[in-house]
Protein backbone atom coordinates (compact mmCIF):
# COMPACT_ATOMS: atom_id res chain seq x y z
CA PRO A 1 21.68 -43.20 148.55
CA GLU A 2 20.97 -46.05 150.96
CA SER A 3 17.21 -45.75 150.36
CA THR A 4 17.75 -46.24 146.63
CA ARG A 5 19.88 -49.34 147.16
CA PHE A 6 17.29 -50.77 149.54
CA ALA A 7 14.47 -50.16 147.06
CA PHE A 8 16.45 -51.96 144.36
CA ARG A 9 17.24 -54.95 146.59
CA VAL A 10 13.66 -55.56 147.67
CA GLY A 11 12.01 -54.47 144.46
CA GLY A 12 13.73 -56.53 141.81
CA ALA A 13 11.75 -54.67 139.13
CA THR A 14 12.93 -52.23 136.52
CA PHE A 15 11.20 -50.31 133.77
CA LEU A 16 12.14 -49.01 130.34
CA GLY A 17 13.69 -45.55 130.07
CA ALA A 18 16.26 -44.33 127.55
CA GLU A 19 15.65 -47.45 125.44
CA LEU A 20 12.37 -45.84 124.35
CA VAL A 21 14.00 -42.69 122.96
CA PRO A 22 14.09 -43.92 119.31
CA LYS A 23 10.34 -44.47 119.42
CA GLN A 24 9.89 -41.00 120.93
CA VAL A 25 11.89 -39.58 118.02
CA ALA A 26 9.65 -41.37 115.52
CA LEU A 27 6.44 -40.24 117.24
CA LEU A 28 7.61 -36.64 117.49
CA HIS A 29 8.58 -36.66 113.81
CA GLU A 30 5.13 -37.98 112.96
CA LEU A 31 3.57 -35.16 114.96
CA VAL A 32 5.89 -32.44 113.61
CA PRO A 33 7.22 -33.66 110.24
CA THR A 34 8.48 -30.17 109.29
CA ALA A 35 10.87 -29.97 112.26
CA HIS A 36 14.35 -30.47 110.83
CA MET A 37 16.16 -29.34 114.00
CA VAL A 38 15.27 -31.42 117.05
CA GLY A 39 16.34 -30.43 120.54
CA LEU A 40 17.34 -32.90 123.24
CA LEU A 41 17.25 -31.78 126.87
CA VAL A 42 19.60 -33.76 129.14
CA ASN A 43 20.71 -33.54 132.75
CA PRO A 44 24.54 -33.53 132.92
CA THR A 45 24.47 -34.77 136.53
CA ASN A 46 22.84 -38.00 135.31
CA GLN A 47 25.71 -39.09 133.09
CA ALA A 48 24.52 -42.63 132.40
CA ASN A 49 21.11 -41.52 131.11
CA THR A 50 22.64 -38.58 129.25
CA THR A 51 25.06 -40.83 127.38
CA ILE A 52 22.43 -43.41 126.44
CA SER A 53 19.77 -40.85 125.54
CA THR A 54 22.15 -38.82 123.39
CA ARG A 55 23.37 -41.90 121.55
CA GLU A 56 19.85 -43.23 120.94
CA THR A 57 18.51 -39.82 119.87
CA GLU A 58 21.42 -39.23 117.50
CA ALA A 59 20.68 -42.57 115.86
CA GLY A 60 16.97 -41.80 115.63
CA VAL A 61 17.27 -38.32 114.13
CA GLY A 62 20.10 -39.45 111.87
CA ALA A 63 17.93 -42.17 110.38
CA LEU A 64 15.32 -39.52 109.57
CA GLY A 65 17.85 -37.06 108.14
CA LEU A 66 17.29 -34.53 110.92
CA GLN A 67 19.68 -32.36 112.94
CA LEU A 68 20.09 -32.67 116.70
CA LEU A 69 20.80 -29.94 119.24
CA VAL A 70 21.76 -31.29 122.69
CA VAL A 71 21.37 -28.85 125.58
CA GLN A 72 22.09 -29.51 129.25
CA ALA A 73 20.18 -28.38 132.35
CA SER A 74 20.20 -29.56 135.95
CA ASN A 75 18.38 -26.70 137.71
CA GLU A 76 15.76 -24.05 136.98
CA PRO A 77 18.15 -21.23 135.89
CA GLU A 78 19.78 -23.66 133.46
CA LEU A 79 16.33 -24.57 132.14
CA ASP A 80 15.82 -20.88 131.32
CA LEU A 81 19.08 -20.88 129.39
CA ALA A 82 18.23 -24.17 127.70
CA PHE A 83 14.92 -22.91 126.32
CA ALA A 84 16.58 -19.68 125.22
CA THR A 85 19.14 -21.78 123.34
CA PHE A 86 16.45 -23.88 121.68
CA ALA A 87 14.76 -20.69 120.50
CA GLU A 88 18.01 -19.08 119.35
CA ARG A 89 19.10 -22.19 117.42
CA ARG A 90 15.57 -22.63 116.03
CA ALA A 91 14.84 -26.09 117.30
CA LYS A 92 11.29 -26.92 116.23
CA ALA A 93 10.69 -29.99 118.37
CA LEU A 94 12.01 -31.27 121.69
CA ILE A 95 12.76 -34.60 123.31
CA ILE A 96 13.25 -34.58 127.06
CA SER A 97 15.68 -37.22 128.31
CA PRO A 98 14.46 -39.56 131.08
CA ASP A 99 15.54 -38.06 134.38
CA ALA A 100 14.18 -37.65 137.92
CA PHE A 101 14.79 -33.88 137.89
CA PHE A 102 12.78 -33.48 134.69
CA THR A 103 10.01 -35.69 136.06
CA ASN A 104 9.80 -33.46 139.14
CA GLN A 105 9.65 -30.46 136.78
CA SER A 106 6.92 -31.95 134.55
CA ASN A 107 4.44 -29.14 135.19
CA GLN A 108 7.02 -26.41 134.66
CA LEU A 109 8.44 -28.09 131.56
CA ALA A 110 4.97 -28.46 130.06
CA ALA A 111 4.30 -24.77 130.68
CA ARG A 112 7.67 -23.77 129.17
CA THR A 113 7.10 -25.81 126.01
CA LEU A 114 3.62 -24.35 125.62
CA ARG A 115 4.87 -20.76 126.08
CA SER A 116 7.69 -21.42 123.63
CA ALA A 117 5.38 -23.15 121.14
CA LEU A 118 7.93 -25.98 121.19
CA PRO A 119 6.29 -29.38 120.60
CA ALA A 120 7.82 -31.82 123.06
CA ILE A 121 7.64 -35.45 124.10
CA TYR A 122 8.69 -36.96 127.42
CA GLN A 123 8.47 -40.37 129.03
CA ASN A 124 6.29 -39.30 131.94
CA ARG A 125 2.49 -39.27 131.55
CA GLY A 126 2.29 -36.33 133.96
CA PHE A 127 4.05 -34.16 131.39
CA ALA A 128 1.22 -34.60 128.87
CA VAL A 129 -1.43 -34.22 131.57
CA ALA A 130 0.19 -30.92 132.60
CA GLY A 131 0.03 -29.57 129.04
CA GLY A 132 2.99 -31.10 127.23
CA LEU A 133 2.24 -32.32 123.72
CA ALA A 134 2.90 -36.02 124.22
CA ALA A 135 4.30 -38.69 126.49
CA TYR A 136 5.65 -42.09 125.59
CA GLY A 137 7.18 -44.19 128.30
CA ALA A 138 6.94 -47.03 130.73
CA ASP A 139 3.64 -47.63 132.46
CA ILE A 140 4.81 -46.87 136.00
CA ALA A 141 1.70 -48.45 137.54
CA SER A 142 2.70 -51.75 135.95
CA SER A 143 6.17 -51.49 137.50
CA PHE A 144 4.66 -50.74 140.91
CA GLN A 145 2.51 -53.86 140.58
CA LEU A 146 5.65 -55.92 139.98
CA ILE A 147 7.27 -54.40 143.08
CA GLY A 148 4.14 -55.11 145.10
CA GLY A 149 4.27 -58.71 143.98
CA TYR A 150 7.91 -58.97 145.06
CA CYS A 151 7.10 -57.51 148.46
CA ALA A 152 4.26 -60.01 148.93
CA ARG A 153 6.57 -62.93 148.07
CA ILE A 154 9.21 -61.69 150.51
CA LEU A 155 6.64 -61.29 153.28
CA ARG A 156 5.59 -64.88 152.65
CA GLY A 157 9.16 -65.95 153.40
CA GLN A 158 10.90 -66.16 150.03
CA LYS A 159 14.53 -65.04 149.97
CA VAL A 160 15.40 -61.92 147.98
CA ALA A 161 18.38 -63.70 146.42
CA ASP A 162 16.04 -66.34 144.99
CA LEU A 163 13.80 -63.82 143.21
CA PRO A 164 14.67 -62.92 139.62
CA VAL A 165 14.85 -59.32 138.48
CA GLN A 166 11.93 -58.56 136.17
CA GLN A 167 11.40 -55.68 133.80
CA SER A 168 8.02 -54.16 133.10
CA THR A 169 7.70 -53.87 129.33
CA LYS A 170 4.30 -52.18 129.26
CA VAL A 171 4.42 -48.69 127.74
CA GLU A 172 1.83 -45.97 127.33
CA PHE A 173 1.38 -43.26 124.72
CA VAL A 174 -0.50 -40.10 125.71
CA VAL A 175 -1.35 -37.19 123.41
CA ASN A 176 -2.63 -33.82 124.58
CA LEU A 177 -4.98 -32.79 121.79
CA LYS A 178 -5.68 -29.42 123.41
CA THR A 179 -1.97 -28.58 123.30
CA ALA A 180 -1.71 -29.83 119.72
CA LYS A 181 -4.51 -27.47 118.67
CA ALA A 182 -2.85 -24.56 120.53
CA MET A 183 0.36 -25.26 118.56
CA ASN A 184 -1.52 -25.69 115.26
CA ILE A 185 -0.46 -29.33 115.06
CA VAL A 186 -2.78 -31.73 113.29
CA VAL A 187 -2.52 -35.11 114.98
CA PRO A 188 -2.98 -37.88 112.39
CA LEU A 189 -6.09 -39.97 113.03
CA PRO A 190 -4.12 -43.25 113.01
CA MET A 191 -1.92 -41.82 115.78
CA LEU A 192 -4.96 -40.90 117.85
CA ALA A 193 -6.20 -44.45 117.41
CA ARG A 194 -2.87 -45.82 118.67
CA ALA A 195 -2.78 -43.57 121.74
CA ASP A 196 -3.57 -45.11 125.10
CA GLU A 197 -4.99 -41.77 126.21
CA VAL A 198 -6.03 -38.61 124.39
CA ILE A 199 -6.40 -35.47 126.51
CA GLU A 200 -8.95 -33.03 125.09
């Protein structure tokens, strides 16, 4: 869309997304070490993210000797089918691929994972705040600060073409301890110490 292209031209800032999936795999395995089948939820309409996320997740679970079940969903009815598939195939943990649709569905996804007793991790902090087990992803506030800085420089007369593209590398790790207790998951103390935020 034109609005997206405009935001990219004036922003000049990006943030980490699918590149963080291997770390999400490791964190989820640390939280649920008995889960040998890991689900990956992807949006087939976002092919670029789906391809990268699937590749990175396959590498992560393969290194740990785990199995991966990839399921697609791009709307709410397909989410119903996806969670039914995870239950049927006995996935015991879930990684949610970075995607705008899933971010908009953070509250619903958190509720679904809690109802399904399916420990899940996503990149968006709002997922953990809404009741998801954990979130590990880019600190969006840091990216917005970069964009604000770009806008200020443009308003002072600098040319967009002269401004380098920068990537925010700050990440945040959020654990919902209340959800962990509801799922009978014992969060290791060292992990709690590493978390940027613990929701109790």
